[in-house]
Amino acid sequence: MPTGSNNGGPDKKSAAKASKAMKATKKKSGGVPARGKSGLPTGRQIPWFAVGAGAIVIGLIAVLAINLVPKYQDRVEAQRWEPSESNQDPSTSIADVAVQPYEAALHVSPTQRVAYDQTPPFGGPHDATWATCTGIVYPEAIRTENAVHSLEHGAVWITYNPDELSEDEISTLADKVDGETYMLMSPYPGQDTPVSLQSWGHQLKVDSVDDDRVDQFISALRLNRYQYPEVGASCATVPGGGFDPDNPPLFDASAPGADAVPMDGGGITPDTSETSGMGGLPSGLQLPSDIQVPAEAPAAPAPAP
């Protein structure tokens, strides 16, 4: 009599049950997912939100790099020209900077002219009141004798020939001055180059407002305590002092007459109160804290007898 194993008996039924159980297990566990033509599992969604967020992060990093890297590079470049104890006049490494020593604190009256030896001048006798130099861009040429006094206080004075520059070029220069303490700017009719920069005893003349030496000169000489005589002096307006930045004394284009004060001061006694340090400063002192002259330490008390 045939056995059950030979005619599809219980063994076949057991195998069918086992196969059906395996299929059910795969179905519950997800099994091996089918893949489409792209190779991606069919039915699985691409995480577009995560992809978009990643793209936004990468974009923000790129924007920050575009904006911050040039500023960092500009700062590093400016630091190359900052004065220090070991490099007291970085401008000596700037091409074409003229250097001339001048005696300080030689004052003339508001009606006197000075026979300056340079155009524009960058030192010598000057008016007793300085031109306000708190980052002001003067639209009209100002009295030279007042501006020279500002240089004695550590300011940089940018002048330009109004016949040589466009409005856009003037704006480029103005951006370097506007609101920057110990800076001033004004036209200077008749100067022999489009742009000229003055600090006490130093001058740089350039043909372009985009010349790299403009920023180098400013970094090297604005408030360079080693190069100007009246360290600690203010650039603020002195009320009633004779210079109103809203209505400043105007530039005199005529040649100085025979009565003009010569460059040696013509017997004027220097005002030593100006070069005696920080005393007598107006309350509107603009000197930044990082370059203020430190006060001398008080003397130690004498030991008791």
Protein backbone atom coordinates (compact mmCIF):
# COMPACT_ATOMS: atom_id res chain seq x y z
CA MET A 1 0.00 0.00 0.00
CA PRO A 2 1.39 3.30 -1.00
CA THR A 3 2.65 5.44 1.82
CA GLY A 4 1.58 9.03 2.42
CA SER A 5 5.05 10.36 1.40
CA ASN A 6 4.67 9.00 -2.05
CA ASN A 7 1.27 10.41 -2.96
CA GLY A 8 1.30 14.02 -1.62
CA GLY A 9 0.22 13.26 1.87
CA PRO A 10 1.06 15.04 5.11
CA ASP A 11 4.66 16.02 4.09
CA LYS A 12 3.44 18.22 1.21
CA LYS A 13 0.91 19.88 3.46
CA SER A 14 3.60 20.62 6.04
CA ALA A 15 5.87 22.16 3.40
CA ALA A 16 3.05 24.36 2.12
CA LYS A 17 2.28 25.55 5.63
CA ALA A 18 5.95 26.35 6.24
CA SER A 19 6.19 28.31 3.00
CA LYS A 20 3.07 30.26 3.83
CA ALA A 21 4.44 31.07 7.31
CA MET A 22 7.71 32.37 5.86
CA LYS A 23 5.85 34.64 3.44
CA ALA A 24 3.78 36.02 6.30
CA THR A 25 6.93 36.71 8.36
CA LYS A 26 8.55 38.61 5.47
CA LYS A 27 5.42 40.64 4.94
CA LYS A 28 5.32 41.69 8.61
CA SER A 29 9.02 42.61 8.71
CA GLY A 30 8.93 44.49 5.43
CA GLY A 31 10.96 41.88 3.63
CA VAL A 32 13.45 43.01 0.98
CA PRO A 33 12.07 46.14 -0.61
CA ALA A 34 11.63 46.18 -4.33
CA ARG A 35 13.77 48.67 -6.24
CA GLY A 36 12.79 50.77 -9.19
CA LYS A 37 14.79 51.70 -12.31
CA SER A 38 16.63 54.46 -10.42
CA GLY A 39 17.94 51.97 -7.88
CA LEU A 40 15.98 53.58 -5.04
CA PRO A 41 13.53 51.46 -3.05
CA THR A 42 10.05 51.85 -4.46
CA GLY A 43 7.60 53.58 -2.20
CA ARG A 44 10.31 55.39 -0.12
CA GLN A 45 10.11 59.24 -0.05
CA ILE A 46 13.23 61.43 -0.61
CA PRO A 47 13.78 63.66 2.49
CA TRP A 48 13.36 66.95 0.63
CA PHE A 49 13.09 68.98 3.84
CA ALA A 50 16.52 67.81 5.02
CA VAL A 51 18.00 68.41 1.57
CA GLY A 52 16.56 71.95 1.48
CA ALA A 53 17.77 72.76 5.00
CA GLY A 54 21.26 71.60 4.06
CA ALA A 55 21.25 73.79 0.97
CA ILE A 56 20.18 76.80 3.04
CA VAL A 57 23.00 76.21 5.54
CA ILE A 58 25.56 75.94 2.74
CA GLY A 59 24.18 79.14 1.18
CA LEU A 60 24.45 81.03 4.48
CA ILE A 61 28.04 79.88 4.94
CA ALA A 62 28.86 81.09 1.43
CA VAL A 63 27.25 84.50 2.04
CA LEU A 64 29.12 84.93 5.32
CA ALA A 65 32.38 83.99 3.64
CA ILE A 66 31.81 86.45 0.80
CA ASN A 67 31.10 89.29 3.24
CA LEU A 68 33.47 88.54 6.11
CA VAL A 69 36.61 87.31 4.39
CA PRO A 70 37.30 90.61 2.53
CA LYS A 71 36.74 92.56 5.77
CA TYR A 72 39.13 90.29 7.61
CA GLN A 73 41.69 90.71 4.85
CA ASP A 74 41.26 94.50 4.99
CA ARG A 75 41.79 94.44 8.75
CA VAL A 76 44.93 92.33 8.41
CA GLU A 77 46.23 94.71 5.76
CA ALA A 78 45.49 97.74 7.98
CA GLN A 79 47.35 96.15 10.88
CA ARG A 80 50.48 96.06 8.74
CA TRP A 81 50.48 99.86 8.81
CA GLU A 82 49.62 100.49 12.43
CA PRO A 83 52.38 102.23 14.41
CA SER A 84 54.09 100.51 17.31
CA GLU A 85 57.03 101.03 19.61
CA SER A 86 59.21 99.09 17.21
CA ASN A 87 57.79 100.75 14.08
CA GLN A 88 56.99 104.32 15.00
CA ASP A 89 56.51 105.60 11.44
CA PRO A 90 55.09 102.92 9.13
CA SER A 91 54.59 105.57 6.44
CA THR A 92 58.31 105.32 5.61
CA SER A 93 57.39 102.11 3.78
CA ILE A 94 54.72 103.86 1.68
CA ALA A 95 55.96 105.07 -1.68
CA ASP A 96 56.08 108.84 -2.29
CA VAL A 97 55.29 110.01 1.24
CA ALA A 98 56.99 113.37 1.84
CA VAL A 99 58.32 113.93 5.36
CA GLN A 100 59.23 117.37 6.72
CA PRO A 101 59.93 118.42 10.33
CA TYR A 102 58.05 121.48 11.62
CA GLU A 103 58.13 123.40 14.86
CA ALA A 104 54.88 123.12 16.76
CA ALA A 105 52.57 125.56 18.58
CA LEU A 106 53.30 128.65 16.49
CA HIS A 107 49.98 130.51 16.52
CA VAL A 108 48.69 133.26 14.26
CA SER A 109 45.56 135.37 14.65
CA PRO A 110 42.32 134.70 12.73
CA THR A 111 43.19 137.48 10.27
CA GLN A 112 46.80 136.52 9.59
CA ARG A 113 48.04 134.48 6.65
CA VAL A 114 50.97 132.09 6.63
CA ALA A 115 53.42 131.83 3.73
CA TYR A 116 53.26 128.05 3.59
CA ASP A 117 56.02 126.16 1.81
CA GLN A 118 53.77 123.33 0.58
CA THR A 119 50.43 123.10 -1.22
CA PRO A 120 48.44 121.95 0.66
CA PRO A 121 50.55 122.61 3.77
CA PHE A 122 51.17 119.90 6.34
CA GLY A 123 52.86 121.77 9.16
CA GLY A 124 54.11 125.14 10.29
CA PRO A 125 52.48 128.19 11.92
CA HIS A 126 48.70 127.97 12.15
CA ASP A 127 45.61 129.53 13.65
CA ALA A 128 45.18 129.23 17.41
CA THR A 129 41.87 127.38 16.82
CA TRP A 130 41.83 124.06 15.01
CA ALA A 131 39.31 123.01 12.39
CA THR A 132 36.82 120.54 13.83
CA CYS A 133 38.16 117.14 12.83
CA THR A 134 35.60 114.68 14.14
CA GLY A 135 35.02 112.97 10.80
CA ILE A 136 33.60 115.98 8.98
CA VAL A 137 33.43 116.25 5.19
CA TYR A 138 33.42 119.96 4.40
CA PRO A 139 31.63 120.73 1.11
CA GLU A 140 33.59 123.96 0.62
CA ALA A 141 37.29 124.72 0.98
CA ILE A 142 38.15 125.80 4.53
CA ARG A 143 40.78 128.18 5.88
CA THR A 144 44.16 126.51 5.62
CA GLU A 145 45.54 127.92 8.86
CA ASN A 146 42.76 126.23 10.87
CA ALA A 147 43.19 122.87 9.13
CA VAL A 148 46.94 122.77 9.80
CA HIS A 149 46.23 123.08 13.52
CA SER A 150 44.09 119.92 13.27
CA LEU A 151 47.14 118.05 11.99
CA GLU A 152 48.99 119.09 15.13
CA HIS A 153 46.29 117.20 17.08
CA GLY A 154 46.90 113.95 15.20
CA ALA A 155 44.27 114.29 12.46
CA VAL A 156 44.57 113.29 8.82
CA TRP A 157 43.28 115.92 6.39
CA ILE A 158 42.21 114.68 2.96
CA THR A 159 42.02 117.32 0.25
CA TYR A 160 41.04 117.03 -3.39
CA ASN A 161 41.03 119.15 -6.50
CA PRO A 162 37.32 119.64 -7.27
CA ASP A 163 38.12 120.05 -10.98
CA GLU A 164 39.78 116.64 -11.15
CA LEU A 165 37.31 114.31 -9.43
CA SER A 166 33.81 113.12 -10.27
CA GLU A 167 30.99 113.09 -7.75
CA ASP A 168 31.38 109.33 -7.33
CA GLU A 169 35.10 109.70 -6.65
CA ILE A 170 34.46 112.41 -4.08
CA SER A 171 31.93 110.10 -2.41
CA THR A 172 34.51 107.32 -2.28
CA LEU A 173 36.87 109.62 -0.37
CA ALA A 174 34.08 110.91 1.84
CA ASP A 175 33.25 107.36 2.95
CA LYS A 176 36.75 107.12 4.41
CA VAL A 177 36.23 110.27 6.47
CA ASP A 178 32.58 110.68 7.39
CA GLY A 179 32.11 110.01 11.10
CA GLU A 180 35.72 108.86 11.61
CA THR A 181 37.30 110.67 14.53
CA TYR A 182 40.49 112.64 13.85
CA MET A 183 39.66 112.90 10.16
CA LEU A 184 38.52 115.81 8.01
CA MET A 185 38.13 116.39 4.30
CA SER A 186 37.68 119.44 2.10
CA PRO A 187 38.28 120.58 -1.46
CA TYR A 188 41.51 122.43 -2.11
CA PRO A 189 41.26 124.39 -5.37
CA GLY A 190 44.40 124.43 -7.47
CA GLN A 191 46.31 121.58 -5.83
CA ASP A 192 48.51 119.79 -8.34
CA THR A 193 47.11 116.26 -7.89
CA PRO A 194 43.54 114.98 -7.70
CA VAL A 195 44.00 113.78 -4.09
CA SER A 196 46.35 114.74 -1.28
CA LEU A 197 46.61 113.46 2.28
CA GLN A 198 48.18 115.44 5.11
CA SER A 199 49.20 114.61 8.66
CA TRP A 200 51.63 116.59 10.78
CA GLY A 201 54.94 116.57 8.90
CA HIS A 202 53.74 114.04 6.30
CA GLN A 203 52.06 114.26 2.92
CA LEU A 204 51.02 111.84 0.19
CA LYS A 205 49.76 112.91 -3.23
CA VAL A 206 47.95 110.40 -5.46
CA ASP A 207 46.07 110.43 -8.74
CA SER A 208 43.30 107.98 -7.85
CA VAL A 209 40.86 107.66 -4.96
CA ASP A 210 41.29 103.88 -5.24
CA ASP A 211 45.03 104.00 -4.63
CA ASP A 212 45.86 101.50 -1.85
CA ARG A 213 48.24 104.03 -0.32
CA VAL A 214 45.32 106.20 0.80
CA ASP A 215 44.22 103.66 3.42
CA GLN A 216 47.83 102.85 4.28
CA PHE A 217 48.57 106.51 5.01
CA ILE A 218 45.50 106.82 7.25
CA SER A 219 46.38 103.66 9.19
CA ALA A 220 50.00 104.71 9.61
CA LEU A 221 49.52 108.33 10.67
CA ARG A 222 46.07 109.05 12.08
CA LEU A 223 46.65 109.48 15.81
CA ASN A 224 50.18 108.12 15.50
CA ARG A 225 51.42 109.36 18.87
CA TYR A 226 55.02 109.16 17.73
CA GLN A 227 54.55 111.61 14.86
CA TYR A 228 52.46 114.58 16.02
CA PRO A 229 53.32 117.07 18.75
CA GLU A 230 50.08 117.60 20.65
CA VAL A 231 49.28 114.10 21.85
CA GLY A 232 45.97 113.95 23.71
CA ALA A 233 44.48 117.10 22.18
CA SER A 234 40.85 117.14 21.10
CA CYS A 235 39.34 117.41 17.65
CA ALA A 236 36.00 118.65 18.98
CA THR A 237 34.58 122.08 18.32
CA VAL A 238 35.50 124.67 20.92
CA PRO A 239 32.34 126.72 21.64
CA GLY A 240 33.06 130.34 20.80
CA GLY A 241 36.58 129.40 19.73
CA GLY A 242 36.41 130.92 16.29
CA PHE A 243 35.72 127.85 14.16
CA ASP A 244 32.12 126.87 13.51
CA PRO A 245 31.98 123.64 11.46
CA ASP A 246 28.57 124.66 10.13
CA ASN A 247 29.95 127.99 8.94
CA PRO A 248 33.73 127.63 8.85
CA PRO A 249 36.24 130.30 7.84
CA LEU A 250 36.70 129.96 4.10
CA PHE A 251 39.75 129.22 2.01
CA ASP A 252 41.64 132.21 0.60
CA ALA A 253 42.90 131.38 -2.88
CA SER A 254 44.96 134.54 -3.24
CA ALA A 255 48.71 134.51 -2.68
CA PRO A 256 49.80 135.54 0.84
CA GLY A 257 50.93 139.16 1.00
CA ALA A 258 54.22 140.61 2.21
CA ASP A 259 52.86 140.66 5.74
CA ALA A 260 52.29 136.89 5.80
CA VAL A 261 53.90 134.97 8.66
CA PRO A 262 56.98 133.05 7.46
CA MET A 263 57.41 129.33 8.08
CA ASP A 264 59.78 129.90 10.98
CA GLY A 265 57.08 131.90 12.76
CA GLY A 266 58.82 135.25 12.39
CA GLY A 267 59.61 135.57 16.07
CA ILE A 268 56.36 134.02 17.38
CA THR A 269 56.91 132.37 20.76
CA PRO A 270 55.64 128.77 20.77
CA ASP A 271 52.62 128.17 22.99
CA THR A 272 54.11 125.60 25.35
CA SER A 273 50.73 124.95 27.02
CA GLU A 274 49.74 122.97 23.91
CA THR A 275 52.56 120.47 24.12
CA SER A 276 52.47 119.86 27.86
CA GLY A 277 50.31 116.72 27.74
CA MET A 278 46.67 116.06 28.56
CA GLY A 279 45.92 119.09 30.71
CA GLY A 280 43.14 121.48 29.81
CA LEU A 281 41.29 119.24 27.36
CA PRO A 282 37.71 120.11 26.46
CA SER A 283 35.04 117.79 27.79
CA GLY A 284 34.33 116.56 24.25
CA LEU A 285 37.61 114.66 23.98
CA GLN A 286 37.49 112.19 21.08
CA LEU A 287 40.73 110.36 21.77
CA PRO A 288 39.96 106.62 21.54
CA SER A 289 40.69 104.68 24.72
CA ASP A 290 43.19 102.37 23.03
CA ILE A 291 45.55 105.22 22.20
CA GLN A 292 45.02 107.57 25.11
CA VAL A 293 48.16 108.60 26.89
CA PRO A 294 48.11 106.82 30.25
CA ALA A 295 48.19 109.04 33.29
CA GLU A 296 51.41 108.92 35.24
CA ALA A 297 51.28 106.87 38.42
CA PRO A 298 51.18 109.03 41.55
CA ALA A 299 54.43 109.28 43.42
CA ALA A 300 54.76 106.95 46.39
CA PRO A 301 54.39 108.68 49.79
CA ALA A 302 57.60 109.38 51.61
CA PRO A 303 58.31 106.91 54.41
CA ALA A 304 57.48 108.08 57.91
CA PRO A 305 60.50 109.37 59.83
